Amino acid sequence: MSSATEIPAGIARAVAHKIVAELKPACERIEVVGSLRRRKRAVHDIDIVLVPKLASPLPLEKVLSGLVERGSLTPVRGKDKIRCFIATKTGIPVDIYIATERTWATLLLIRTGSKEHNIKLARRALELGMRLRASGDGIEASDGSPMMVDGEGKIFGLLRLPFLPPEERD
């Protein structure tokens, strides 16, 4: 979800950190991505990628329900892989992307963006006979088999490109 309203990054970052702190006990991994990770001065929303703990005494859904019940988040829509909310007090859209350990690296990369950078990476993958899934579901070899990657650096390496830190991905 995206909004046309620009929000100062400092405000969005503070809201994102509060949400991450609430969600963290239910997650194996969690990171703020998108424009905030690219260190933009103003953003349109908050993007978070996480891997939920599978056998957690505090399941992710219970934590999200608690945030909604307390009035911190207002639900907009939800699916298996993405949950969209509005941070109630600030009106900032919040998109939470649900990853698995297998999809973590590509989802982190794709959801960090930028859109233009993702297009360049996807084109490069095609040039090399691979496919970088825009959904963040992985990178595939020419035969369609999933390629295991354990970090963004590995994806850049597979694409024979130098690693770029998030703030340089525009």
C-alpha atoms as a PDB file:
ATOM      1  CA  MET A   1       0.000   0.000   0.000  1.00  0.00           C
ATOM      2  CA  SER A   2       1.274   3.443  -0.729  1.00  0.00           C
ATOM      3  CA  SER A   3       0.166   6.961   0.031  1.00  0.00           C
ATOM      4  CA  ALA A   4       0.799  10.180  -1.881  1.00  0.00           C
ATOM      5  CA  THR A   5       1.515  12.001   1.384  1.00  0.00           C
ATOM      6  CA  GLU A   6       5.183  12.394   2.268  1.00  0.00           C
ATOM      7  CA  ILE A   7       6.110  11.777   5.884  1.00  0.00           C
ATOM      8  CA  PRO A   8       9.383  12.970   7.416  1.00  0.00           C
ATOM      9  CA  ALA A   9      11.626   9.927   7.803  1.00  0.00           C
ATOM     10  CA  GLY A  10      12.306  10.675  11.474  1.00  0.00           C
ATOM     11  CA  ILE A  11       8.621  10.360  12.341  1.00  0.00           C
ATOM     12  CA  ALA A  12       8.189   7.217  10.224  1.00  0.00           C
ATOM     13  CA  ARG A  13      11.349   5.684  11.692  1.00  0.00           C
ATOM     14  CA  ALA A  14      10.100   6.253  15.260  1.00  0.00           C
ATOM     15  CA  VAL A  15       6.762   4.605  14.435  1.00  0.00           C
ATOM     16  CA  ALA A  16       8.552   1.735  12.651  1.00  0.00           C
ATOM     17  CA  HIS A  17      10.831   1.112  15.638  1.00  0.00           C
ATOM     18  CA  LYS A  18       7.837   0.921  17.999  1.00  0.00           C
ATOM     19  CA  ILE A  19       6.111  -1.592  15.731  1.00  0.00           C
ATOM     20  CA  VAL A  20       9.291  -3.657  15.347  1.00  0.00           C
ATOM     21  CA  ALA A  21       9.792  -3.709  19.121  1.00  0.00           C
ATOM     22  CA  GLU A  22       6.258  -5.077  19.553  1.00  0.00           C
ATOM     23  CA  LEU A  23       6.629  -7.702  16.805  1.00  0.00           C
ATOM     24  CA  LYS A  24      10.184  -8.828  17.570  1.00  0.00           C
ATOM     25  CA  PRO A  25       9.334 -11.471  20.233  1.00  0.00           C
ATOM     26  CA  ALA A  26       7.225 -13.310  17.620  1.00  0.00           C
ATOM     27  CA  CYS A  27       9.922 -13.168  14.908  1.00  0.00           C
ATOM     28  CA  GLU A  28      13.045 -15.087  13.953  1.00  0.00           C
ATOM     29  CA  ARG A  29      14.095 -12.058  11.864  1.00  0.00           C
ATOM     30  CA  ILE A  30      12.638  -8.621  11.357  1.00  0.00           C
ATOM     31  CA  GLU A  31      13.866  -5.544   9.522  1.00  0.00           C
ATOM     32  CA  VAL A  32      12.538  -2.180   8.375  1.00  0.00           C
ATOM     33  CA  VAL A  33      12.980  -1.937   4.609  1.00  0.00           C
ATOM     34  CA  GLY A  34      11.828   0.329   1.770  1.00  0.00           C
ATOM     35  CA  SER A  35      12.574   4.043   1.719  1.00  0.00           C
ATOM     36  CA  LEU A  36      13.536   4.050   5.401  1.00  0.00           C
ATOM     37  CA  ARG A  37      16.246   1.441   4.800  1.00  0.00           C
ATOM     38  CA  ARG A  38      17.445   3.474   1.815  1.00  0.00           C
ATOM     39  CA  ARG A  39      17.685   6.452   4.206  1.00  0.00           C
ATOM     40  CA  LYS A  40      15.327   8.759   2.332  1.00  0.00           C
ATOM     41  CA  ARG A  41      14.465  12.061   4.030  1.00  0.00           C
ATOM     42  CA  ALA A  42      10.731  11.587   3.443  1.00  0.00           C
ATOM     43  CA  VAL A  43       8.742   8.399   2.883  1.00  0.00           C
ATOM     44  CA  HIS A  44       5.242   7.388   1.820  1.00  0.00           C
ATOM     45  CA  ASP A  45       4.900   4.376   4.099  1.00  0.00           C
ATOM     46  CA  ILE A  46       6.646   1.947   6.429  1.00  0.00           C
ATOM     47  CA  ASP A  47       7.716  -1.429   5.049  1.00  0.00           C
ATOM     48  CA  ILE A  48       8.738  -4.276   7.344  1.00  0.00           C
ATOM     49  CA  VAL A  49       9.961  -7.752   6.384  1.00  0.00           C
ATOM     50  CA  LEU A  50       9.852 -10.518   8.959  1.00  0.00           C
ATOM     51  CA  VAL A  51      10.165 -14.251   9.442  1.00  0.00           C
ATOM     52  CA  PRO A  52       7.726 -15.386  12.125  1.00  0.00           C
ATOM     53  CA  LYS A  53       8.754 -17.880  14.784  1.00  0.00           C
ATOM     54  CA  LEU A  54       6.914 -21.071  13.973  1.00  0.00           C
ATOM     55  CA  ALA A  55       6.771 -22.501  17.492  1.00  0.00           C
ATOM     56  CA  SER A  56       6.405 -19.305  19.459  1.00  0.00           C
ATOM     57  CA  PRO A  57       4.481 -18.969  22.721  1.00  0.00           C
ATOM     58  CA  LEU A  58       3.533 -15.564  21.333  1.00  0.00           C
ATOM     59  CA  PRO A  59       2.438 -16.099  17.699  1.00  0.00           C
ATOM     60  CA  LEU A  60       2.684 -13.255  15.201  1.00  0.00           C
ATOM     61  CA  GLU A  61      -1.075 -13.169  14.640  1.00  0.00           C
ATOM     62  CA  LYS A  62      -1.663 -12.716  18.364  1.00  0.00           C
ATOM     63  CA  VAL A  63       0.792  -9.795  18.497  1.00  0.00           C
ATOM     64  CA  LEU A  64      -0.805  -8.162  15.436  1.00  0.00           C
ATOM     65  CA  SER A  65      -4.268  -8.650  16.939  1.00  0.00           C
ATOM     66  CA  GLY A  66      -3.075  -7.005  20.141  1.00  0.00           C
ATOM     67  CA  LEU A  67      -1.779  -3.979  18.214  1.00  0.00           C
ATOM     68  CA  VAL A  68      -5.144  -3.683  16.465  1.00  0.00           C
ATOM     69  CA  GLU A  69      -7.148  -4.153  19.688  1.00  0.00           C
ATOM     70  CA  ARG A  70      -5.084  -1.455  21.467  1.00  0.00           C
ATOM     71  CA  GLY A  71      -5.684   0.920  18.578  1.00  0.00           C
ATOM     72  CA  SER A  72      -2.032   1.158  17.488  1.00  0.00           C
ATOM     73  CA  LEU A  73      -2.744  -0.285  14.034  1.00  0.00           C
ATOM     74  CA  THR A  74      -5.866  -0.212  11.892  1.00  0.00           C
ATOM     75  CA  PRO A  75      -6.104  -3.165   9.485  1.00  0.00           C
ATOM     76  CA  VAL A  76      -6.584  -2.393   5.793  1.00  0.00           C
ATOM     77  CA  ARG A  77      -6.182  -5.800   4.172  1.00  0.00           C
ATOM     78  CA  GLY A  78      -4.295  -9.001   4.726  1.00  0.00           C
ATOM     79  CA  LYS A  79      -3.096 -12.061   2.901  1.00  0.00           C
ATOM     80  CA  ASP A  80      -0.669 -14.851   3.673  1.00  0.00           C
ATOM     81  CA  LYS A  81       2.416 -12.923   2.539  1.00  0.00           C
ATOM     82  CA  ILE A  82       1.487  -9.282   3.178  1.00  0.00           C
ATOM     83  CA  ARG A  83      -0.524  -7.527   5.863  1.00  0.00           C
ATOM     84  CA  CYS A  84      -1.440  -3.866   5.394  1.00  0.00           C
ATOM     85  CA  PHE A  85      -2.283  -1.480   8.208  1.00  0.00           C
ATOM     86  CA  ILE A  86      -2.452   2.207   9.045  1.00  0.00           C
ATOM     87  CA  ALA A  87      -0.543   3.434  12.100  1.00  0.00           C
ATOM     88  CA  THR A  88      -3.598   4.848  13.832  1.00  0.00           C
ATOM     89  CA  LYS A  89      -2.129   7.940  15.532  1.00  0.00           C
ATOM     90  CA  THR A  90      -0.043   9.141  12.584  1.00  0.00           C
ATOM     91  CA  GLY A  91      -1.988   7.812   9.588  1.00  0.00           C
ATOM     92  CA  ILE A  92       1.174   6.269   8.115  1.00  0.00           C
ATOM     93  CA  PRO A  93       0.534   3.175   5.962  1.00  0.00           C
ATOM     94  CA  VAL A  94       2.394   0.107   7.275  1.00  0.00           C
ATOM     95  CA  ASP A  95       3.053  -2.922   5.055  1.00  0.00           C
ATOM     96  CA  ILE A  96       4.300  -6.095   6.756  1.00  0.00           C
ATOM     97  CA  TYR A  97       5.767  -8.730   4.444  1.00  0.00           C
ATOM     98  CA  ILE A  98       5.880 -12.287   5.736  1.00  0.00           C
ATOM     99  CA  ALA A  99       8.993 -14.188   4.637  1.00  0.00           C
ATOM    100  CA  THR A 100      10.366 -17.655   5.221  1.00  0.00           C
ATOM    101  CA  GLU A 101      14.040 -18.414   5.815  1.00  0.00           C
ATOM    102  CA  ARG A 102      14.219 -19.411   2.117  1.00  0.00           C
ATOM    103  CA  THR A 103      12.671 -16.149   0.858  1.00  0.00           C
ATOM    104  CA  TRP A 104      14.222 -13.779   3.445  1.00  0.00           C
ATOM    105  CA  ALA A 105      17.139 -12.506   1.323  1.00  0.00           C
ATOM    106  CA  THR A 106      15.160 -11.853  -1.864  1.00  0.00           C
ATOM    107  CA  LEU A 107      12.214 -10.313  -0.019  1.00  0.00           C
ATOM    108  CA  LEU A 108      14.614  -8.061   1.910  1.00  0.00           C
ATOM    109  CA  LEU A 109      16.263  -7.017  -1.370  1.00  0.00           C
ATOM    110  CA  ILE A 110      13.048  -6.481  -3.351  1.00  0.00           C
ATOM    111  CA  ARG A 111      11.192  -4.658  -0.575  1.00  0.00           C
ATOM    112  CA  THR A 112      14.152  -2.380   0.060  1.00  0.00           C
ATOM    113  CA  GLY A 113      13.927  -1.244  -3.563  1.00  0.00           C
ATOM    114  CA  SER A 114      13.999   1.135  -5.232  1.00  0.00           C
ATOM    115  CA  LYS A 115      11.591   0.077  -7.985  1.00  0.00           C
ATOM    116  CA  GLU A 116      14.104   1.209 -10.626  1.00  0.00           C
ATOM    117  CA  HIS A 117      16.903  -0.737  -8.926  1.00  0.00           C
ATOM    118  CA  ASN A 118      14.730  -3.856  -8.775  1.00  0.00           C
ATOM    119  CA  ILE A 119      14.002  -3.551 -12.509  1.00  0.00           C
ATOM    120  CA  LYS A 120      17.747  -3.389 -13.225  1.00  0.00           C
ATOM    121  CA  LEU A 121      18.384  -6.477 -11.088  1.00  0.00           C
ATOM    122  CA  ALA A 122      15.534  -8.417 -12.725  1.00  0.00           C
ATOM    123  CA  ARG A 123      16.812  -7.516 -16.205  1.00  0.00           C
ATOM    124  CA  ARG A 124      20.320  -8.593 -15.231  1.00  0.00           C
ATOM    125  CA  ALA A 125      18.972 -11.914 -13.964  1.00  0.00           C
ATOM    126  CA  LEU A 126      17.206 -12.476 -17.302  1.00  0.00           C
ATOM    127  CA  GLU A 127      20.416 -11.639 -19.203  1.00  0.00           C
ATOM    128  CA  LEU A 128      22.135 -14.399 -17.225  1.00  0.00           C
ATOM    129  CA  GLY A 129      19.308 -16.883 -17.799  1.00  0.00           C
ATOM    130  CA  MET A 130      17.900 -16.536 -14.274  1.00  0.00           C
ATOM    131  CA  ARG A 131      14.706 -15.075 -12.902  1.00  0.00           C
ATOM    132  CA  LEU A 132      14.505 -12.743  -9.912  1.00  0.00           C
ATOM    133  CA  ARG A 133      10.916 -12.932  -8.717  1.00  0.00           C
ATOM    134  CA  ALA A 134       9.438  -9.461  -8.176  1.00  0.00           C
ATOM    135  CA  SER A 135       7.305 -10.939  -5.394  1.00  0.00           C
ATOM    136  CA  GLY A 136      10.470 -11.601  -3.407  1.00  0.00           C
ATOM    137  CA  ASP A 137       9.809 -15.342  -3.584  1.00  0.00           C
ATOM    138  CA  GLY A 138      13.352 -16.087  -4.703  1.00  0.00           C
ATOM    139  CA  ILE A 139      15.758 -16.281  -7.560  1.00  0.00           C
ATOM    140  CA  GLU A 140      15.535 -19.135 -10.045  1.00  0.00           C
ATOM    141  CA  ALA A 141      18.154 -20.815 -12.217  1.00  0.00           C
ATOM    142  CA  SER A 142      17.567 -21.147 -15.959  1.00  0.00           C
ATOM    143  CA  ASP A 143      15.836 -24.507 -15.406  1.00  0.00           C
ATOM    144  CA  GLY A 144      13.346 -22.869 -12.988  1.00  0.00           C
ATOM    145  CA  SER A 145      14.842 -24.447  -9.883  1.00  0.00           C
ATOM    146  CA  PRO A 146      15.126 -22.187  -6.829  1.00  0.00           C
ATOM    147  CA  MET A 147      18.625 -20.965  -6.013  1.00  0.00           C
ATOM    148  CA  MET A 148      19.411 -20.883  -2.320  1.00  0.00           C
ATOM    149  CA  VAL A 149      20.709 -17.520  -1.144  1.00  0.00           C
ATOM    150  CA  ASP A 150      21.548 -16.553   2.405  1.00  0.00           C
ATOM    151  CA  GLY A 151      21.875 -12.810   1.972  1.00  0.00           C
ATOM    152  CA  GLU A 152      21.582  -9.884  -0.385  1.00  0.00           C
ATOM    153  CA  GLY A 153      25.300 -10.048  -1.145  1.00  0.00           C
ATOM    154  CA  LYS A 154      24.834 -13.554  -2.527  1.00  0.00           C
ATOM    155  CA  ILE A 155      22.160 -12.280  -4.932  1.00  0.00           C
ATOM    156  CA  PHE A 156      24.432  -9.499  -6.180  1.00  0.00           C
ATOM    157  CA  GLY A 157      27.170 -12.120  -6.610  1.00  0.00           C
ATOM    158  CA  LEU A 158      24.916 -14.452  -8.606  1.00  0.00           C
ATOM    159  CA  LEU A 159      24.063 -11.486 -10.831  1.00  0.00           C
ATOM    160  CA  ARG A 160      27.798 -10.682 -11.156  1.00  0.00           C
ATOM    161  CA  LEU A 161      27.235  -7.203  -9.797  1.00  0.00           C
ATOM    162  CA  PRO A 162      29.023  -5.339  -7.003  1.00  0.00           C
ATOM    163  CA  PHE A 163      27.039  -5.177  -3.775  1.00  0.00           C
ATOM    164  CA  LEU A 164      25.306  -1.837  -3.286  1.00  0.00           C
ATOM    165  CA  PRO A 165      24.288  -0.706   0.188  1.00  0.00           C
ATOM    166  CA  PRO A 166      20.588   0.184   0.465  1.00  0.00           C
ATOM    167  CA  GLU A 167      21.160   3.954   0.392  1.00  0.00           C
ATOM    168  CA  GLU A 168      22.750   3.619  -3.087  1.00  0.00           C
ATOM    169  CA  ARG A 169      19.889   1.621  -4.649  1.00  0.00           C
ATOM    170  CA  ASP A 170      18.033   4.327  -6.561  1.00  0.00           C
END
